Amino acid sequence: MDEELTLLQKWRAGDLPAGNELFKRSFDSIYRFFANKTRNLADAEDLLQRTFETMVTACDGFEGRSSFRVYSLGIAYNILRHYYRDLARERKFVDDAEVSLADLGAGPHTHLEVAEQQRILVQALRRIPTEFQVVLELRYFEGQDPDAIAAILGLNPNTIRGRIGRGRKKLLATIEEMIRSAPEHQYPALDMNTLDRLLADAGPGGSPQSAR
């Protein structure tokens, strides 16, 4: 049993210091997960709070087959799915996974703190279908491998590998289109290797991750 799960169980039993410590350890990762996937800051904060509430109530159902981080991101993803479904219903989309945040009415604003040269990259992520945005950000921003992402999303690892590959192509095409429509942006020549480096640099670690 990892230390974070022990803290979660203590928090559920009423140990407030354990809850505070768990919050401090988990906040950055979960907030980062929501930061570029919501319409505004208030939505991100609401989803963050709901994630922590669900972690407490669902604690007994966690069997310890994965790390606490995978467990917590899995809860965050399920909450995000409900959020997207609500947005899709508002705008009368049939399949929320096939549309982007831009389609769902979100503007270009992001809550991620990134360098100016990466801003177009992060905005482009909001323009590709959410099923690809989620796997790319988990892969690059959180450093999760395909097996861990599969556990978080409840999918087959091969499906995740396919989504990473297709998502990178969609993202590259979206960035190229954005650059063509805004020639004032100073941006390096793009290929897949450059894209991988930019994705990794936009994440917390600042070092490239393999896409496979």
C-alpha atoms as a PDB file:
ATOM      1  CA  MET A   1       0.000   0.000   0.000  1.00  0.00           C
ATOM      2  CA  ASP A   2       1.531   3.347  -0.989  1.00  0.00           C
ATOM      3  CA  GLU A   3       1.823   6.238   1.419  1.00  0.00           C
ATOM      4  CA  GLU A   4      -0.815   8.369  -0.313  1.00  0.00           C
ATOM      5  CA  LEU A   5      -3.436   5.634   0.072  1.00  0.00           C
ATOM      6  CA  THR A   6      -2.632   5.406   3.779  1.00  0.00           C
ATOM      7  CA  LEU A   7      -3.176   9.153   4.041  1.00  0.00           C
ATOM      8  CA  LEU A   8      -6.475   8.822   2.170  1.00  0.00           C
ATOM      9  CA  GLN A   9      -7.764   6.172   4.559  1.00  0.00           C
ATOM     10  CA  LYS A  10      -6.742   8.258   7.567  1.00  0.00           C
ATOM     11  CA  TRP A  11      -8.484  11.281   6.078  1.00  0.00           C
ATOM     12  CA  ARG A  12     -11.645   9.264   5.551  1.00  0.00           C
ATOM     13  CA  ALA A  13     -11.495   8.232   9.212  1.00  0.00           C
ATOM     14  CA  GLY A  14     -11.436  11.879  10.250  1.00  0.00           C
ATOM     15  CA  ASP A  15      -7.700  12.631  10.394  1.00  0.00           C
ATOM     16  CA  LEU A  16      -7.634  16.224   9.093  1.00  0.00           C
ATOM     17  CA  PRO A  17      -3.804  16.576   9.050  1.00  0.00           C
ATOM     18  CA  ALA A  18      -3.656  13.473   6.831  1.00  0.00           C
ATOM     19  CA  GLY A  19      -6.191  15.072   4.505  1.00  0.00           C
ATOM     20  CA  ASN A  20      -4.190  18.281   4.345  1.00  0.00           C
ATOM     21  CA  GLU A  21      -1.010  16.367   3.533  1.00  0.00           C
ATOM     22  CA  LEU A  22      -2.755  14.349   0.814  1.00  0.00           C
ATOM     23  CA  PHE A  23      -4.181  17.530  -0.667  1.00  0.00           C
ATOM     24  CA  LYS A  24      -0.727  19.117  -0.823  1.00  0.00           C
ATOM     25  CA  ARG A  25       0.788  16.054  -2.494  1.00  0.00           C
ATOM     26  CA  SER A  26      -2.001  15.588  -5.030  1.00  0.00           C
ATOM     27  CA  PHE A  27      -3.064  19.136  -5.812  1.00  0.00           C
ATOM     28  CA  ASP A  28      -0.577  19.983  -8.573  1.00  0.00           C
ATOM     29  CA  SER A  29      -1.129  16.807 -10.582  1.00  0.00           C
ATOM     30  CA  ILE A  30      -4.927  16.891 -10.446  1.00  0.00           C
ATOM     31  CA  TYR A  31      -5.184  20.634 -11.012  1.00  0.00           C
ATOM     32  CA  ARG A  32      -2.840  20.340 -13.990  1.00  0.00           C
ATOM     33  CA  PHE A  33      -5.083  17.583 -15.364  1.00  0.00           C
ATOM     34  CA  PHE A  34      -8.093  19.923 -15.336  1.00  0.00           C
ATOM     35  CA  ALA A  35      -6.276  23.180 -16.112  1.00  0.00           C
ATOM     36  CA  ASN A  36      -6.335  22.995 -19.910  1.00  0.00           C
ATOM     37  CA  LYS A  37      -9.573  21.035 -20.214  1.00  0.00           C
ATOM     38  CA  THR A  38     -12.209  23.379 -18.772  1.00  0.00           C
ATOM     39  CA  ARG A  39     -13.952  26.549 -19.907  1.00  0.00           C
ATOM     40  CA  ASN A  40     -12.745  28.692 -17.026  1.00  0.00           C
ATOM     41  CA  LEU A  41     -10.964  28.720 -13.679  1.00  0.00           C
ATOM     42  CA  ALA A  42     -14.174  28.268 -11.688  1.00  0.00           C
ATOM     43  CA  ASP A  43     -14.958  25.039 -13.562  1.00  0.00           C
ATOM     44  CA  ALA A  44     -11.439  23.692 -12.955  1.00  0.00           C
ATOM     45  CA  GLU A  45     -11.672  24.427  -9.235  1.00  0.00           C
ATOM     46  CA  ASP A  46     -15.109  22.820  -9.011  1.00  0.00           C
ATOM     47  CA  LEU A  47     -13.885  19.628 -10.711  1.00  0.00           C
ATOM     48  CA  LEU A  48     -10.848  19.579  -8.434  1.00  0.00           C
ATOM     49  CA  GLN A  49     -13.042  19.747  -5.337  1.00  0.00           C
ATOM     50  CA  ARG A  50     -15.359  17.034  -6.641  1.00  0.00           C
ATOM     51  CA  THR A  51     -12.353  14.800  -7.319  1.00  0.00           C
ATOM     52  CA  PHE A  52     -11.120  15.028  -3.731  1.00  0.00           C
ATOM     53  CA  GLU A  53     -14.625  14.438  -2.391  1.00  0.00           C
ATOM     54  CA  THR A  54     -14.977  11.342  -4.569  1.00  0.00           C
ATOM     55  CA  MET A  55     -11.566  10.029  -3.517  1.00  0.00           C
ATOM     56  CA  VAL A  56     -12.749  10.024   0.087  1.00  0.00           C
ATOM     57  CA  THR A  57     -16.121   8.370  -0.534  1.00  0.00           C
ATOM     58  CA  ALA A  58     -14.677   5.781  -2.970  1.00  0.00           C
ATOM     59  CA  CYS A  59     -11.633   4.908  -0.870  1.00  0.00           C
ATOM     60  CA  ASP A  60     -12.950   1.507   0.257  1.00  0.00           C
ATOM     61  CA  GLY A  61     -13.386   0.406  -3.353  1.00  0.00           C
ATOM     62  CA  PHE A  62      -9.734   0.952  -4.216  1.00  0.00           C
ATOM     63  CA  GLU A  63      -7.947  -2.427  -4.245  1.00  0.00           C
ATOM     64  CA  GLY A  64      -4.396  -1.118  -4.559  1.00  0.00           C
ATOM     65  CA  ARG A  65      -3.752  -2.687  -7.967  1.00  0.00           C
ATOM     66  CA  SER A  66      -2.357   0.604  -9.256  1.00  0.00           C
ATOM     67  CA  SER A  67      -0.538   3.557  -7.753  1.00  0.00           C
ATOM     68  CA  PHE A  68      -2.502   6.201  -5.902  1.00  0.00           C
ATOM     69  CA  ARG A  69      -1.679   8.665  -8.699  1.00  0.00           C
ATOM     70  CA  VAL A  70      -3.293   6.421 -11.308  1.00  0.00           C
ATOM     71  CA  TYR A  71      -6.272   5.938  -8.984  1.00  0.00           C
ATOM     72  CA  SER A  72      -6.728   9.680  -8.412  1.00  0.00           C
ATOM     73  CA  LEU A  73      -6.331  10.560 -12.098  1.00  0.00           C
ATOM     74  CA  GLY A  74      -8.871   7.865 -12.963  1.00  0.00           C
ATOM     75  CA  ILE A  75     -11.387   9.557 -10.671  1.00  0.00           C
ATOM     76  CA  ALA A  76     -10.509  12.942 -12.179  1.00  0.00           C
ATOM     77  CA  TYR A  77     -11.063  11.552 -15.675  1.00  0.00           C
ATOM     78  CA  ASN A  78     -14.509  10.179 -14.819  1.00  0.00           C
ATOM     79  CA  ILE A  79     -15.507  13.551 -13.386  1.00  0.00           C
ATOM     80  CA  LEU A  80     -14.162  15.256 -16.514  1.00  0.00           C
ATOM     81  CA  ARG A  81     -16.238  12.924 -18.709  1.00  0.00           C
ATOM     82  CA  HIS A  82     -19.424  13.981 -16.917  1.00  0.00           C
ATOM     83  CA  TYR A  83     -18.391  17.613 -17.327  1.00  0.00           C
ATOM     84  CA  TYR A  84     -17.897  17.128 -21.081  1.00  0.00           C
ATOM     85  CA  ARG A  85     -21.207  15.319 -21.405  1.00  0.00           C
ATOM     86  CA  ASP A  86     -22.996  18.225 -19.748  1.00  0.00           C
ATOM     87  CA  LEU A  87     -21.287  20.680 -22.109  1.00  0.00           C
ATOM     88  CA  ALA A  88     -22.095  18.492 -25.104  1.00  0.00           C
ATOM     89  CA  ARG A  89     -25.772  18.347 -24.128  1.00  0.00           C
ATOM     90  CA  GLU A  90     -25.858  22.127 -23.789  1.00  0.00           C
ATOM     91  CA  ARG A  91     -24.567  22.481 -27.349  1.00  0.00           C
ATOM     92  CA  LYS A  92     -26.451  19.445 -28.706  1.00  0.00           C
ATOM     93  CA  PHE A  93     -23.407  17.353 -29.665  1.00  0.00           C
ATOM     94  CA  VAL A  94     -24.008  13.614 -29.892  1.00  0.00           C
ATOM     95  CA  ASP A  95     -20.501  12.356 -28.995  1.00  0.00           C
ATOM     96  CA  ASP A  96     -18.541  14.521 -26.576  1.00  0.00           C
ATOM     97  CA  ALA A  97     -15.302  12.563 -27.209  1.00  0.00           C
ATOM     98  CA  GLU A  98     -15.329  13.527 -30.889  1.00  0.00           C
ATOM     99  CA  VAL A  99     -15.452  17.276 -30.275  1.00  0.00           C
ATOM    100  CA  SER A 100     -12.883  19.698 -28.917  1.00  0.00           C
ATOM    101  CA  LEU A 101     -13.089  22.176 -26.072  1.00  0.00           C
ATOM    102  CA  ALA A 102     -13.375  24.903 -28.699  1.00  0.00           C
ATOM    103  CA  ASP A 103     -16.426  23.085 -30.116  1.00  0.00           C
ATOM    104  CA  LEU A 104     -17.886  22.903 -26.608  1.00  0.00           C
ATOM    105  CA  GLY A 105     -17.752  26.664 -26.234  1.00  0.00           C
ATOM    106  CA  ALA A 106     -14.457  27.144 -24.410  1.00  0.00           C
ATOM    107  CA  GLY A 107     -12.313  30.099 -25.387  1.00  0.00           C
ATOM    108  CA  PRO A 108      -8.556  30.105 -25.946  1.00  0.00           C
ATOM    109  CA  HIS A 109      -7.705  30.830 -22.304  1.00  0.00           C
ATOM    110  CA  THR A 110      -5.686  28.250 -20.415  1.00  0.00           C
ATOM    111  CA  HIS A 111      -4.788  28.067 -16.726  1.00  0.00           C
ATOM    112  CA  LEU A 112      -1.450  26.394 -17.431  1.00  0.00           C
ATOM    113  CA  GLU A 113       1.562  28.612 -16.900  1.00  0.00           C
ATOM    114  CA  VAL A 114       3.632  28.135 -20.051  1.00  0.00           C
ATOM    115  CA  ALA A 115       6.188  30.189 -21.945  1.00  0.00           C
ATOM    116  CA  GLU A 116       4.886  32.426 -24.712  1.00  0.00           C
ATOM    117  CA  GLN A 117       6.443  30.220 -27.396  1.00  0.00           C
ATOM    118  CA  GLN A 118       4.415  27.259 -26.078  1.00  0.00           C
ATOM    119  CA  ARG A 119       1.128  29.098 -25.796  1.00  0.00           C
ATOM    120  CA  ILE A 120       0.047  28.197 -29.310  1.00  0.00           C
ATOM    121  CA  LEU A 121       0.800  24.546 -28.512  1.00  0.00           C
ATOM    122  CA  VAL A 122      -1.417  24.531 -25.420  1.00  0.00           C
ATOM    123  CA  GLN A 123      -4.185  26.348 -27.284  1.00  0.00           C
ATOM    124  CA  ALA A 124      -3.931  23.826 -30.116  1.00  0.00           C
ATOM    125  CA  LEU A 125      -4.525  21.015 -27.621  1.00  0.00           C
ATOM    126  CA  ARG A 126      -7.879  22.630 -26.847  1.00  0.00           C
ATOM    127  CA  ARG A 127      -8.816  22.465 -30.539  1.00  0.00           C
ATOM    128  CA  ILE A 128      -8.332  18.742 -31.096  1.00  0.00           C
ATOM    129  CA  PRO A 129     -10.958  16.159 -30.019  1.00  0.00           C
ATOM    130  CA  THR A 130     -10.944  15.694 -26.263  1.00  0.00           C
ATOM    131  CA  GLU A 131     -10.206  11.962 -26.519  1.00  0.00           C
ATOM    132  CA  PHE A 132      -6.831  12.877 -28.025  1.00  0.00           C
ATOM    133  CA  GLN A 133      -6.205  15.906 -25.812  1.00  0.00           C
ATOM    134  CA  VAL A 134      -6.620  13.806 -22.668  1.00  0.00           C
ATOM    135  CA  VAL A 135      -4.183  11.059 -23.679  1.00  0.00           C
ATOM    136  CA  LEU A 136      -1.558  13.509 -24.948  1.00  0.00           C
ATOM    137  CA  GLU A 137      -1.626  15.581 -21.775  1.00  0.00           C
ATOM    138  CA  LEU A 138      -1.469  12.475 -19.590  1.00  0.00           C
ATOM    139  CA  ARG A 139       1.453  11.183 -21.655  1.00  0.00           C
ATOM    140  CA  TYR A 140       3.488  14.357 -21.856  1.00  0.00           C
ATOM    141  CA  PHE A 141       2.343  16.622 -19.032  1.00  0.00           C
ATOM    142  CA  GLU A 142       2.046  13.854 -16.432  1.00  0.00           C
ATOM    143  CA  GLY A 143       4.658  11.442 -17.806  1.00  0.00           C
ATOM    144  CA  GLN A 144       2.282   8.461 -17.709  1.00  0.00           C
ATOM    145  CA  ASP A 145       3.094   5.491 -19.941  1.00  0.00           C
ATOM    146  CA  PRO A 146       0.428   3.847 -22.154  1.00  0.00           C
ATOM    147  CA  ASP A 147      -0.268   1.103 -19.593  1.00  0.00           C
ATOM    148  CA  ALA A 148      -0.908   3.660 -16.840  1.00  0.00           C
ATOM    149  CA  ILE A 149      -3.057   5.798 -19.144  1.00  0.00           C
ATOM    150  CA  ALA A 150      -5.046   2.691 -20.067  1.00  0.00           C
ATOM    151  CA  ALA A 151      -5.696   2.054 -16.359  1.00  0.00           C
ATOM    152  CA  ILE A 152      -6.742   5.678 -15.822  1.00  0.00           C
ATOM    153  CA  LEU A 153      -9.148   5.704 -18.776  1.00  0.00           C
ATOM    154  CA  GLY A 154     -10.317   2.087 -18.533  1.00  0.00           C
ATOM    155  CA  LEU A 155      -9.094   1.222 -22.035  1.00  0.00           C
ATOM    156  CA  ASN A 156      -6.727  -1.235 -23.704  1.00  0.00           C
ATOM    157  CA  PRO A 157      -3.049  -0.117 -23.827  1.00  0.00           C
ATOM    158  CA  ASN A 158      -2.970  -0.682 -27.589  1.00  0.00           C
ATOM    159  CA  THR A 159      -5.939   1.667 -27.943  1.00  0.00           C
ATOM    160  CA  ILE A 160      -3.996   4.276 -25.992  1.00  0.00           C
ATOM    161  CA  ARG A 161      -0.910   3.858 -28.186  1.00  0.00           C
ATOM    162  CA  GLY A 162      -3.086   4.354 -31.245  1.00  0.00           C
ATOM    163  CA  ARG A 163      -4.671   7.483 -29.788  1.00  0.00           C
ATOM    164  CA  ILE A 164      -1.272   8.930 -28.922  1.00  0.00           C
ATOM    165  CA  GLY A 165      -0.090   8.429 -32.495  1.00  0.00           C
ATOM    166  CA  ARG A 166      -3.247   9.816 -34.104  1.00  0.00           C
ATOM    167  CA  GLY A 167      -3.430  12.618 -31.565  1.00  0.00           C
ATOM    168  CA  ARG A 168       0.107  13.784 -32.328  1.00  0.00           C
ATOM    169  CA  LYS A 169      -0.743  13.959 -36.033  1.00  0.00           C
ATOM    170  CA  LYS A 170      -3.931  15.919 -35.354  1.00  0.00           C
ATOM    171  CA  LEU A 171      -2.087  18.262 -33.015  1.00  0.00           C
ATOM    172  CA  LEU A 172       0.696  18.890 -35.519  1.00  0.00           C
ATOM    173  CA  ALA A 173      -1.825  19.671 -38.260  1.00  0.00           C
ATOM    174  CA  THR A 174      -3.735  22.007 -35.929  1.00  0.00           C
ATOM    175  CA  ILE A 175      -0.594  23.928 -34.957  1.00  0.00           C
ATOM    176  CA  GLU A 176       0.432  24.286 -38.605  1.00  0.00           C
ATOM    177  CA  GLU A 177      -3.018  25.672 -39.417  1.00  0.00           C
ATOM    178  CA  MET A 178      -2.819  28.133 -36.503  1.00  0.00           C
ATOM    179  CA  ILE A 179       0.619  29.315 -37.623  1.00  0.00           C
ATOM    180  CA  ARG A 180      -0.597  29.867 -41.181  1.00  0.00           C
ATOM    181  CA  SER A 181      -3.495  31.963 -39.906  1.00  0.00           C
ATOM    182  CA  ALA A 182      -1.260  33.980 -37.539  1.00  0.00           C
ATOM    183  CA  PRO A 183       2.077  34.564 -39.301  1.00  0.00           C
ATOM    184  CA  GLU A 184       3.163  37.050 -36.626  1.00  0.00           C
ATOM    185  CA  HIS A 185       3.888  34.110 -34.283  1.00  0.00           C
ATOM    186  CA  GLN A 186       7.567  33.215 -34.101  1.00  0.00           C
ATOM    187  CA  TYR A 187       7.572  29.432 -34.022  1.00  0.00           C
ATOM    188  CA  PRO A 188      10.187  26.817 -34.981  1.00  0.00           C
ATOM    189  CA  ALA A 189       9.821  24.597 -38.012  1.00  0.00           C
ATOM    190  CA  LEU A 190       7.658  21.692 -36.940  1.00  0.00           C
ATOM    191  CA  ASP A 191       8.067  17.966 -37.288  1.00  0.00           C
ATOM    192  CA  MET A 192       7.103  15.157 -34.924  1.00  0.00           C
ATOM    193  CA  ASN A 193      10.379  15.314 -32.980  1.00  0.00           C
ATOM    194  CA  THR A 194      10.007  19.062 -32.449  1.00  0.00           C
ATOM    195  CA  LEU A 195       6.392  18.568 -31.395  1.00  0.00           C
ATOM    196  CA  ASP A 196       7.405  15.935 -28.832  1.00  0.00           C
ATOM    197  CA  ARG A 197       9.976  18.298 -27.326  1.00  0.00           C
ATOM    198  CA  LEU A 198       7.491  21.152 -27.125  1.00  0.00           C
ATOM    199  CA  LEU A 199       4.897  18.924 -25.476  1.00  0.00           C
ATOM    200  CA  ALA A 200       7.404  17.709 -22.911  1.00  0.00           C
ATOM    201  CA  ASP A 201       8.654  21.237 -22.210  1.00  0.00           C
ATOM    202  CA  ALA A 202       5.082  22.384 -21.537  1.00  0.00           C
ATOM    203  CA  GLY A 203       4.745  19.748 -18.827  1.00  0.00           C
ATOM    204  CA  PRO A 204       6.024  19.893 -15.249  1.00  0.00           C
ATOM    205  CA  GLY A 205       9.199  17.922 -15.836  1.00  0.00           C
ATOM    206  CA  GLY A 206      10.508  19.949 -18.735  1.00  0.00           C
ATOM    207  CA  SER A 207      12.211  16.943 -20.345  1.00  0.00           C
ATOM    208  CA  PRO A 208      11.120  14.994 -23.420  1.00  0.00           C
ATOM    209  CA  GLN A 209       9.114  11.816 -23.028  1.00  0.00           C
ATOM    210  CA  SER A 210       8.960   9.109 -25.646  1.00  0.00           C
ATOM    211  CA  ALA A 211       5.578   8.858 -27.327  1.00  0.00           C
ATOM    212  CA  ARG A 212       5.684   5.085 -27.264  1.00  0.00           C
END
